[in-house]
Amino acid sequence: MKQVSYFIVLLLFFGVSASAVTLCTAAVFDDNDKVRQLIADGDNFSEKVFDNKKALEKFDEALSLSPNNYDILWRLSRTYVDIGEHLSSKSDAEKQKQMEMYEKSLDYAKKAVAVNPNGAMGYTREAIANGRIALFRGIWESLSLVKQVKADCEKAIALDATGPAAYYLLGRTNVKVCEKPKFVRWPLGLGWANMDDAIKNYEKAIELRPTFIMYRLDCARAFVEMDEYEKAREQLNKIATLSKEDEDDDVFRKDAAELLETIKEK
């Protein structure tokens, strides 16, 4: 709104007629309205319809109208990760395509951070993209990326303590790093990882978004790893009551049921 006001003042200062100012102002507001609608449409395709290609089309169109828009940039990062996650990766060519999606996601996340260094979501999306790339390459071949994921999550939390995704990813990073014993990790600068912190971060993510199945499933897996079977069952039983919020929730629900069956006697 301030930018529009300055624009009007400049037009009047340089002697532009009132009618021309009215036309220019209307055009600015029309573009703003269109961008907002395109973002809303993209979110609907991404979060409700689960059509990531359609979401990408909407966000791309919005970006053409507003090239340095933080809210569009981080959403493009999200969309490219969502597309990459669901690509086949059987052949080398398919794997390369998948990596390209993750790299595009990282590029847009970095642009979001550059545009708005005080925005938590940019760092969260950067952490997610780097995490995907690290998993793709192998986390023990991507130690700098793993450390960057941790740093980005912590930065996002410092900027906004109400964002569940950063807590979840920080929890998941602890779990993945803990796959190797501490005496192996310590010389690599990864001695900070532990399962207690993993569960603490998972539980915080659940507290902030209690209806998201993936958070509860991975928390349950962590509890199983710690032999906390009753706590794991509590999370898994809750999943059966939750509605679908992610395109992979049907798979997650099946995984939860299978895990629950596995630990029923424990």
C-alpha atoms as a PDB file:
ATOM      1  CA  MET A   1       0.000   0.000   0.000  1.00  0.00           C
ATOM      2  CA  LYS A   2       2.870   2.387   0.797  1.00  0.00           C
ATOM      3  CA  GLN A   3       4.435   1.661  -2.594  1.00  0.00           C
ATOM      4  CA  VAL A   4       1.177   2.556  -4.327  1.00  0.00           C
ATOM      5  CA  SER A   5       0.939   5.823  -2.377  1.00  0.00           C
ATOM      6  CA  TYR A   6       4.488   6.818  -3.306  1.00  0.00           C
ATOM      7  CA  PHE A   7       3.718   5.949  -6.924  1.00  0.00           C
ATOM      8  CA  ILE A   8       0.682   8.257  -6.929  1.00  0.00           C
ATOM      9  CA  VAL A   9       2.631  11.108  -5.332  1.00  0.00           C
ATOM     10  CA  LEU A  10       5.336  10.811  -7.962  1.00  0.00           C
ATOM     11  CA  LEU A  11       2.804  10.900 -10.765  1.00  0.00           C
ATOM     12  CA  LEU A  12       1.168  14.032  -9.378  1.00  0.00           C
ATOM     13  CA  PHE A  13       4.559  15.660  -8.764  1.00  0.00           C
ATOM     14  CA  PHE A  14       5.525  15.239 -12.389  1.00  0.00           C
ATOM     15  CA  GLY A  15       2.257  16.750 -13.554  1.00  0.00           C
ATOM     16  CA  VAL A  16       0.383  13.645 -14.551  1.00  0.00           C
ATOM     17  CA  SER A  17      -3.347  14.270 -14.753  1.00  0.00           C
ATOM     18  CA  ALA A  18      -5.722  13.033 -12.078  1.00  0.00           C
ATOM     19  CA  SER A  19      -7.493  10.806 -14.597  1.00  0.00           C
ATOM     20  CA  ALA A  20      -4.203   9.180 -15.559  1.00  0.00           C
ATOM     21  CA  VAL A  21      -3.394   8.647 -11.882  1.00  0.00           C
ATOM     22  CA  THR A  22      -6.776   6.966 -11.435  1.00  0.00           C
ATOM     23  CA  LEU A  23      -6.122   4.632 -14.385  1.00  0.00           C
ATOM     24  CA  CYS A  24      -2.607   3.756 -13.185  1.00  0.00           C
ATOM     25  CA  THR A  25      -3.785   3.167  -9.615  1.00  0.00           C
ATOM     26  CA  ALA A  26      -6.573   0.909 -10.846  1.00  0.00           C
ATOM     27  CA  ALA A  27      -4.056  -1.091 -12.860  1.00  0.00           C
ATOM     28  CA  VAL A  28      -1.835  -1.533  -9.791  1.00  0.00           C
ATOM     29  CA  PHE A  29      -4.716  -2.734  -7.653  1.00  0.00           C
ATOM     30  CA  ASP A  30      -5.934  -5.017 -10.454  1.00  0.00           C
ATOM     31  CA  ASP A  31      -2.498  -6.653 -10.605  1.00  0.00           C
ATOM     32  CA  ASN A  32      -2.381  -6.987  -6.817  1.00  0.00           C
ATOM     33  CA  ASP A  33      -5.821  -8.587  -6.773  1.00  0.00           C
ATOM     34  CA  LYS A  34      -4.819 -10.974  -9.539  1.00  0.00           C
ATOM     35  CA  VAL A  35      -1.631 -11.980  -7.732  1.00  0.00           C
ATOM     36  CA  ARG A  36      -3.554 -12.665  -4.530  1.00  0.00           C
ATOM     37  CA  GLN A  37      -6.090 -14.748  -6.447  1.00  0.00           C
ATOM     38  CA  LEU A  38      -3.374 -16.727  -8.229  1.00  0.00           C
ATOM     39  CA  ILE A  39      -1.690 -17.467  -4.883  1.00  0.00           C
ATOM     40  CA  ALA A  40      -5.023 -18.594  -3.426  1.00  0.00           C
ATOM     41  CA  ASP A  41      -5.683 -20.791  -6.468  1.00  0.00           C
ATOM     42  CA  GLY A  42      -2.186 -22.258  -6.230  1.00  0.00           C
ATOM     43  CA  ASP A  43      -2.662 -23.030  -2.547  1.00  0.00           C
ATOM     44  CA  ASN A  44      -5.936 -24.750  -3.331  1.00  0.00           C
ATOM     45  CA  PHE A  45      -4.296 -26.966  -5.960  1.00  0.00           C
ATOM     46  CA  SER A  46      -1.371 -27.670  -3.619  1.00  0.00           C
ATOM     47  CA  GLU A  47      -3.168 -28.230  -0.319  1.00  0.00           C
ATOM     48  CA  LYS A  48      -6.681 -29.384  -1.236  1.00  0.00           C
ATOM     49  CA  VAL A  49      -6.731 -30.820  -4.762  1.00  0.00           C
ATOM     50  CA  PHE A  50      -3.154 -32.168  -4.595  1.00  0.00           C
ATOM     51  CA  ASP A  51      -2.383 -31.208  -8.191  1.00  0.00           C
ATOM     52  CA  ASN A  52       1.163 -29.883  -7.972  1.00  0.00           C
ATOM     53  CA  LYS A  53       1.513 -29.168 -11.688  1.00  0.00           C
ATOM     54  CA  LYS A  54      -1.552 -26.917 -11.627  1.00  0.00           C
ATOM     55  CA  ALA A  55      -0.223 -25.252  -8.491  1.00  0.00           C
ATOM     56  CA  LEU A  56       3.058 -24.608 -10.302  1.00  0.00           C
ATOM     57  CA  GLU A  57       1.217 -22.976 -13.203  1.00  0.00           C
ATOM     58  CA  LYS A  58      -0.595 -20.604 -10.852  1.00  0.00           C
ATOM     59  CA  PHE A  59       2.514 -19.650  -8.903  1.00  0.00           C
ATOM     60  CA  ASP A  60       4.531 -19.162 -12.094  1.00  0.00           C
ATOM     61  CA  GLU A  61       1.855 -16.839 -13.452  1.00  0.00           C
ATOM     62  CA  ALA A  62       1.789 -14.926 -10.163  1.00  0.00           C
ATOM     63  CA  LEU A  63       5.583 -14.586 -10.235  1.00  0.00           C
ATOM     64  CA  SER A  64       5.446 -13.102 -13.738  1.00  0.00           C
ATOM     65  CA  LEU A  65       3.288 -10.304 -12.301  1.00  0.00           C
ATOM     66  CA  SER A  66       5.247  -9.917  -9.052  1.00  0.00           C
ATOM     67  CA  PRO A  67       8.831 -11.188  -9.584  1.00  0.00           C
ATOM     68  CA  ASN A  68      10.196 -10.484  -6.092  1.00  0.00           C
ATOM     69  CA  ASN A  69       7.197 -11.605  -4.110  1.00  0.00           C
ATOM     70  CA  TYR A  70       8.316 -13.521  -1.020  1.00  0.00           C
ATOM     71  CA  ASP A  71       5.012 -15.394  -0.639  1.00  0.00           C
ATOM     72  CA  ILE A  72       5.237 -16.658  -4.204  1.00  0.00           C
ATOM     73  CA  LEU A  73       8.913 -17.599  -4.032  1.00  0.00           C
ATOM     74  CA  TRP A  74       8.622 -19.849  -0.990  1.00  0.00           C
ATOM     75  CA  ARG A  75       5.496 -21.455  -2.421  1.00  0.00           C
ATOM     76  CA  LEU A  76       7.379 -22.259  -5.621  1.00  0.00           C
ATOM     77  CA  SER A  77      10.053 -23.882  -3.466  1.00  0.00           C
ATOM     78  CA  ARG A  78       7.363 -25.958  -1.762  1.00  0.00           C
ATOM     79  CA  THR A  79       5.817 -26.963  -5.072  1.00  0.00           C
ATOM     80  CA  TYR A  80       9.067 -28.145  -6.650  1.00  0.00           C
ATOM     81  CA  VAL A  81       9.770 -30.359  -3.624  1.00  0.00           C
ATOM     82  CA  ASP A  82       6.242 -31.776  -3.828  1.00  0.00           C
ATOM     83  CA  ILE A  83       6.720 -32.534  -7.517  1.00  0.00           C
ATOM     84  CA  GLY A  84      10.146 -34.070  -6.954  1.00  0.00           C
ATOM     85  CA  GLU A  85       8.939 -36.325  -4.138  1.00  0.00           C
ATOM     86  CA  HIS A  86       6.404 -37.970  -6.429  1.00  0.00           C
ATOM     87  CA  LEU A  87       8.574 -38.548  -9.485  1.00  0.00           C
ATOM     88  CA  SER A  88       9.732 -42.039 -10.333  1.00  0.00           C
ATOM     89  CA  SER A  89      13.428 -42.553  -9.585  1.00  0.00           C
ATOM     90  CA  LYS A  90      14.115 -45.962 -11.068  1.00  0.00           C
ATOM     91  CA  SER A  91      16.420 -44.930 -13.900  1.00  0.00           C
ATOM     92  CA  ASP A  92      19.401 -42.583 -13.853  1.00  0.00           C
ATOM     93  CA  ALA A  93      17.489 -40.150 -16.066  1.00  0.00           C
ATOM     94  CA  GLU A  94      14.542 -40.158 -13.655  1.00  0.00           C
ATOM     95  CA  LYS A  95      16.850 -39.637 -10.690  1.00  0.00           C
ATOM     96  CA  GLN A  96      18.444 -36.687 -12.468  1.00  0.00           C
ATOM     97  CA  LYS A  97      15.012 -35.179 -13.089  1.00  0.00           C
ATOM     98  CA  GLN A  98      14.122 -35.601  -9.438  1.00  0.00           C
ATOM     99  CA  MET A  99      17.346 -33.903  -8.361  1.00  0.00           C
ATOM    100  CA  GLU A 100      16.589 -31.013 -10.723  1.00  0.00           C
ATOM    101  CA  MET A 101      13.279 -30.466  -8.932  1.00  0.00           C
ATOM    102  CA  TYR A 102      15.000 -30.339  -5.549  1.00  0.00           C
ATOM    103  CA  GLU A 103      17.642 -27.957  -6.869  1.00  0.00           C
ATOM    104  CA  LYS A 104      14.936 -25.665  -8.256  1.00  0.00           C
ATOM    105  CA  SER A 105      13.223 -25.806  -4.892  1.00  0.00           C
ATOM    106  CA  LEU A 106      16.447 -24.756  -3.194  1.00  0.00           C
ATOM    107  CA  ASP A 107      16.966 -21.935  -5.701  1.00  0.00           C
ATOM    108  CA  TYR A 108      13.519 -20.461  -5.003  1.00  0.00           C
ATOM    109  CA  ALA A 109      13.989 -20.857  -1.249  1.00  0.00           C
ATOM    110  CA  LYS A 110      17.259 -18.925  -1.441  1.00  0.00           C
ATOM    111  CA  LYS A 111      15.521 -16.215  -3.457  1.00  0.00           C
ATOM    112  CA  ALA A 112      12.795 -16.021  -0.808  1.00  0.00           C
ATOM    113  CA  VAL A 113      15.426 -15.585   1.925  1.00  0.00           C
ATOM    114  CA  ALA A 114      17.192 -12.906  -0.124  1.00  0.00           C
ATOM    115  CA  VAL A 115      13.938 -10.992  -0.629  1.00  0.00           C
ATOM    116  CA  ASN A 116      12.876 -11.298   3.005  1.00  0.00           C
ATOM    117  CA  PRO A 117      15.705 -12.317   5.380  1.00  0.00           C
ATOM    118  CA  ASN A 118      13.334 -11.932   8.329  1.00  0.00           C
ATOM    119  CA  GLY A 119      10.773 -14.375   6.951  1.00  0.00           C
ATOM    120  CA  ALA A 120      10.771 -17.756   8.700  1.00  0.00           C
ATOM    121  CA  MET A 121       9.208 -19.675   5.822  1.00  0.00           C
ATOM    122  CA  GLY A 122      12.105 -18.956   3.478  1.00  0.00           C
ATOM    123  CA  TYR A 123      14.531 -20.656   5.880  1.00  0.00           C
ATOM    124  CA  THR A 124      12.101 -23.514   6.458  1.00  0.00           C
ATOM    125  CA  ARG A 125      11.788 -24.144   2.732  1.00  0.00           C
ATOM    126  CA  GLU A 126      15.569 -23.903   2.319  1.00  0.00           C
ATOM    127  CA  ALA A 127      15.976 -26.495   5.066  1.00  0.00           C
ATOM    128  CA  ILE A 128      13.449 -28.807   3.417  1.00  0.00           C
ATOM    129  CA  ALA A 129      15.091 -28.520  -0.013  1.00  0.00           C
ATOM    130  CA  ASN A 130      18.578 -29.088   1.417  1.00  0.00           C
ATOM    131  CA  GLY A 131      17.223 -32.012   3.413  1.00  0.00           C
ATOM    132  CA  ARG A 132      15.807 -33.608   0.288  1.00  0.00           C
ATOM    133  CA  ILE A 133      19.078 -33.142  -1.563  1.00  0.00           C
ATOM    134  CA  ALA A 134      21.022 -34.600   1.375  1.00  0.00           C
ATOM    135  CA  LEU A 135      18.767 -37.648   1.520  1.00  0.00           C
ATOM    136  CA  PHE A 136      19.054 -38.059  -2.247  1.00  0.00           C
ATOM    137  CA  ARG A 137      22.851 -37.980  -2.167  1.00  0.00           C
ATOM    138  CA  GLY A 138      23.172 -39.703   1.198  1.00  0.00           C
ATOM    139  CA  ILE A 139      23.476 -37.732   4.399  1.00  0.00           C
ATOM    140  CA  TRP A 140      26.973 -39.031   5.151  1.00  0.00           C
ATOM    141  CA  GLU A 141      28.107 -37.693   1.789  1.00  0.00           C
ATOM    142  CA  SER A 142      26.331 -34.376   2.468  1.00  0.00           C
ATOM    143  CA  LEU A 143      27.506 -33.319   5.912  1.00  0.00           C
ATOM    144  CA  SER A 144      27.570 -29.604   5.095  1.00  0.00           C
ATOM    145  CA  LEU A 145      23.963 -29.802   3.924  1.00  0.00           C
ATOM    146  CA  VAL A 146      22.905 -31.593   7.102  1.00  0.00           C
ATOM    147  CA  LYS A 147      24.496 -28.860   9.199  1.00  0.00           C
ATOM    148  CA  GLN A 148      22.814 -26.225   7.048  1.00  0.00           C
ATOM    149  CA  VAL A 149      19.430 -27.888   7.545  1.00  0.00           C
ATOM    150  CA  LYS A 150      19.892 -27.639  11.315  1.00  0.00           C
ATOM    151  CA  ALA A 151      20.983 -23.996  11.085  1.00  0.00           C
ATOM    152  CA  ASP A 152      18.052 -23.053   8.841  1.00  0.00           C
ATOM    153  CA  CYS A 153      15.531 -24.779  11.114  1.00  0.00           C
ATOM    154  CA  GLU A 154      16.890 -22.984  14.147  1.00  0.00           C
ATOM    155  CA  LYS A 155      16.825 -19.667  12.284  1.00  0.00           C
ATOM    156  CA  ALA A 156      13.212 -20.250  11.226  1.00  0.00           C
ATOM    157  CA  ILE A 157      12.198 -21.084  14.804  1.00  0.00           C
ATOM    158  CA  ALA A 158      13.986 -17.998  16.124  1.00  0.00           C
ATOM    159  CA  LEU A 159      12.024 -15.850  13.662  1.00  0.00           C
ATOM    160  CA  ASP A 160       8.684 -17.603  14.225  1.00  0.00           C
ATOM    161  CA  ALA A 161       8.218 -20.054  17.068  1.00  0.00           C
ATOM    162  CA  THR A 162       4.766 -21.045  15.765  1.00  0.00           C
ATOM    163  CA  GLY A 163       5.848 -22.748  12.531  1.00  0.00           C
ATOM    164  CA  PRO A 164       5.459 -26.531  12.961  1.00  0.00           C
ATOM    165  CA  ALA A 165       7.425 -27.593   9.866  1.00  0.00           C
ATOM    166  CA  ALA A 166      10.746 -26.285  11.189  1.00  0.00           C
ATOM    167  CA  TYR A 167      10.346 -28.238  14.448  1.00  0.00           C
ATOM    168  CA  TYR A 168       9.386 -31.368  12.544  1.00  0.00           C
ATOM    169  CA  LEU A 169      12.361 -31.146  10.210  1.00  0.00           C
ATOM    170  CA  LEU A 170      14.726 -30.475  13.105  1.00  0.00           C
ATOM    171  CA  GLY A 171      13.356 -33.582  14.810  1.00  0.00           C
ATOM    172  CA  ARG A 172      13.752 -35.649  11.668  1.00  0.00           C
ATOM    173  CA  THR A 173      17.316 -34.409  11.179  1.00  0.00           C
ATOM    174  CA  ASN A 174      18.204 -35.572  14.695  1.00  0.00           C
ATOM    175  CA  VAL A 175      16.724 -38.994  13.944  1.00  0.00           C
ATOM    176  CA  LYS A 176      18.607 -39.436  10.661  1.00  0.00           C
ATOM    177  CA  VAL A 177      21.924 -38.345  12.146  1.00  0.00           C
ATOM    178  CA  CYS A 178      21.426 -40.705  15.110  1.00  0.00           C
ATOM    179  CA  GLU A 179      21.479 -43.655  12.713  1.00  0.00           C
ATOM    180  CA  LYS A 180      25.230 -43.739  13.379  1.00  0.00           C
ATOM    181  CA  PRO A 181      26.684 -43.925  16.911  1.00  0.00           C
ATOM    182  CA  LYS A 182      27.864 -40.743  18.564  1.00  0.00           C
ATOM    183  CA  PHE A 183      31.555 -41.699  18.571  1.00  0.00           C
ATOM    184  CA  VAL A 184      31.391 -41.854  14.765  1.00  0.00           C
ATOM    185  CA  ARG A 185      29.474 -38.584  14.458  1.00  0.00           C
ATOM    186  CA  TRP A 186      31.413 -36.497  16.951  1.00  0.00           C
ATOM    187  CA  PRO A 187      34.557 -35.940  14.836  1.00  0.00           C
ATOM    188  CA  LEU A 188      32.289 -34.941  11.932  1.00  0.00           C
ATOM    189  CA  GLY A 189      30.650 -32.151  13.919  1.00  0.00           C
ATOM    190  CA  LEU A 190      27.378 -34.047  14.328  1.00  0.00           C
ATOM    191  CA  GLY A 191      27.628 -34.966  17.992  1.00  0.00           C
ATOM    192  CA  TRP A 192      24.655 -32.689  18.759  1.00  0.00           C
ATOM    193  CA  ALA A 193      22.063 -35.126  17.431  1.00  0.00           C
ATOM    194  CA  ASN A 194      20.073 -37.160  19.957  1.00  0.00           C
ATOM    195  CA  MET A 195      16.727 -38.919  20.129  1.00  0.00           C
ATOM    196  CA  ASP A 196      15.454 -36.923  23.096  1.00  0.00           C
ATOM    197  CA  ASP A 197      15.703 -33.711  21.071  1.00  0.00           C
ATOM    198  CA  ALA A 198      14.152 -35.467  18.096  1.00  0.00           C
ATOM    199  CA  ILE A 199      11.064 -36.409  20.113  1.00  0.00           C
ATOM    200  CA  LYS A 200      10.893 -32.999  21.771  1.00  0.00           C
ATOM    201  CA  ASN A 201      10.796 -31.315  18.361  1.00  0.00           C
ATOM    202  CA  TYR A 202       8.289 -33.799  16.958  1.00  0.00           C
ATOM    203  CA  GLU A 203       6.000 -33.182  19.919  1.00  0.00           C
ATOM    204  CA  LYS A 204       6.271 -29.425  19.438  1.00  0.00           C
ATOM    205  CA  ALA A 205       5.326 -29.808  15.779  1.00  0.00           C
ATOM    206  CA  ILE A 206       2.320 -31.912  16.809  1.00  0.00           C
ATOM    207  CA  GLU A 207       1.322 -29.354  19.422  1.00  0.00           C
ATOM    208  CA  LEU A 208       1.305 -26.659  16.738  1.00  0.00           C
ATOM    209  CA  ARG A 209      -0.419 -28.800  14.097  1.00  0.00           C
ATOM    210  CA  PRO A 210      -2.120 -31.724  15.831  1.00  0.00           C
ATOM    211  CA  THR A 211      -4.083 -32.853  12.770  1.00  0.00           C
ATOM    212  CA  PHE A 212      -1.080 -33.535  10.509  1.00  0.00           C
ATOM    213  CA  ILE A 213      -0.549 -37.263  10.136  1.00  0.00           C
ATOM    214  CA  MET A 214       3.110 -37.259   9.080  1.00  0.00           C
ATOM    215  CA  TYR A 215       4.205 -35.555  12.286  1.00  0.00           C
ATOM    216  CA  ARG A 216       2.506 -38.157  14.467  1.00  0.00           C
ATOM    217  CA  LEU A 217       3.761 -41.097  12.394  1.00  0.00           C
ATOM    218  CA  ASP A 218       7.407 -40.057  12.580  1.00  0.00           C
ATOM    219  CA  CYS A 219       7.025 -39.250  16.273  1.00  0.00           C
ATOM    220  CA  ALA A 220       5.631 -42.742  16.824  1.00  0.00           C
ATOM    221  CA  ARG A 221       8.585 -44.236  14.949  1.00  0.00           C
ATOM    222  CA  ALA A 222      10.950 -42.322  17.222  1.00  0.00           C
ATOM    223  CA  PHE A 223       9.122 -43.611  20.310  1.00  0.00           C
ATOM    224  CA  VAL A 224       9.466 -47.170  18.987  1.00  0.00           C
ATOM    225  CA  GLU A 225      13.186 -46.573  18.519  1.00  0.00           C
ATOM    226  CA  MET A 226      13.312 -45.543  22.195  1.00  0.00           C
ATOM    227  CA  ASP A 227      11.182 -48.550  23.290  1.00  0.00           C
ATOM    228  CA  GLU A 228       8.418 -46.177  24.385  1.00  0.00           C
ATOM    229  CA  TYR A 229       5.686 -48.370  22.952  1.00  0.00           C
ATOM    230  CA  GLU A 230       2.726 -46.959  24.833  1.00  0.00           C
ATOM    231  CA  LYS A 231       3.543 -43.435  23.652  1.00  0.00           C
ATOM    232  CA  ALA A 232       3.984 -44.745  20.126  1.00  0.00           C
ATOM    233  CA  ARG A 233       0.558 -46.422  20.232  1.00  0.00           C
ATOM    234  CA  GLU A 234      -1.002 -43.178  21.457  1.00  0.00           C
ATOM    235  CA  GLN A 235       0.239 -41.361  18.358  1.00  0.00           C
ATOM    236  CA  LEU A 236      -0.645 -44.178  15.968  1.00  0.00           C
ATOM    237  CA  ASN A 237      -4.180 -44.615  17.316  1.00  0.00           C
ATOM    238  CA  LYS A 238      -4.797 -40.894  16.917  1.00  0.00           C
ATOM    239  CA  ILE A 239      -3.879 -41.059  13.230  1.00  0.00           C
ATOM    240  CA  ALA A 240      -6.940 -43.182  12.445  1.00  0.00           C
ATOM    241  CA  THR A 241      -9.184 -40.301  13.546  1.00  0.00           C
ATOM    242  CA  LEU A 242      -7.533 -37.592  11.416  1.00  0.00           C
ATOM    243  CA  SER A 243      -8.739 -36.311   8.053  1.00  0.00           C
ATOM    244  CA  LYS A 244      -6.572 -36.080   4.937  1.00  0.00           C
ATOM    245  CA  GLU A 245      -4.398 -32.953   4.741  1.00  0.00           C
ATOM    246  CA  ASP A 246      -1.550 -34.214   2.558  1.00  0.00           C
ATOM    247  CA  GLU A 247      -1.501 -36.136  -0.703  1.00  0.00           C
ATOM    248  CA  ASP A 248       0.517 -38.921   0.970  1.00  0.00           C
ATOM    249  CA  ASP A 249      -1.790 -39.328   3.959  1.00  0.00           C
ATOM    250  CA  ASP A 250      -3.321 -42.550   2.629  1.00  0.00           C
ATOM    251  CA  VAL A 251       0.152 -44.101   2.551  1.00  0.00           C
ATOM    252  CA  PHE A 252       0.990 -42.684   5.975  1.00  0.00           C
ATOM    253  CA  ARG A 253      -2.243 -44.063   7.407  1.00  0.00           C
ATOM    254  CA  LYS A 254      -1.385 -47.522   6.047  1.00  0.00           C
ATOM    255  CA  ASP A 255       2.147 -47.310   7.454  1.00  0.00           C
ATOM    256  CA  ALA A 256       0.721 -46.303  10.836  1.00  0.00           C
ATOM    257  CA  ALA A 257      -1.635 -49.291  10.908  1.00  0.00           C
ATOM    258  CA  GLU A 258       1.212 -51.664  10.027  1.00  0.00           C
ATOM    259  CA  LEU A 259       3.479 -50.202  12.705  1.00  0.00           C
ATOM    260  CA  LEU A 260       0.683 -50.452  15.257  1.00  0.00           C
ATOM    261  CA  GLU A 261       0.251 -54.118  14.428  1.00  0.00           C
ATOM    262  CA  THR A 262       4.001 -54.708  14.759  1.00  0.00           C
ATOM    263  CA  ILE A 263       4.155 -53.311  18.297  1.00  0.00           C
ATOM    264  CA  LYS A 264       0.799 -54.565  19.601  1.00  0.00           C
ATOM    265  CA  GLU A 265       2.422 -57.142  21.913  1.00  0.00           C
ATOM    266  CA  LYS A 266       5.123 -54.814  23.201  1.00  0.00           C
END
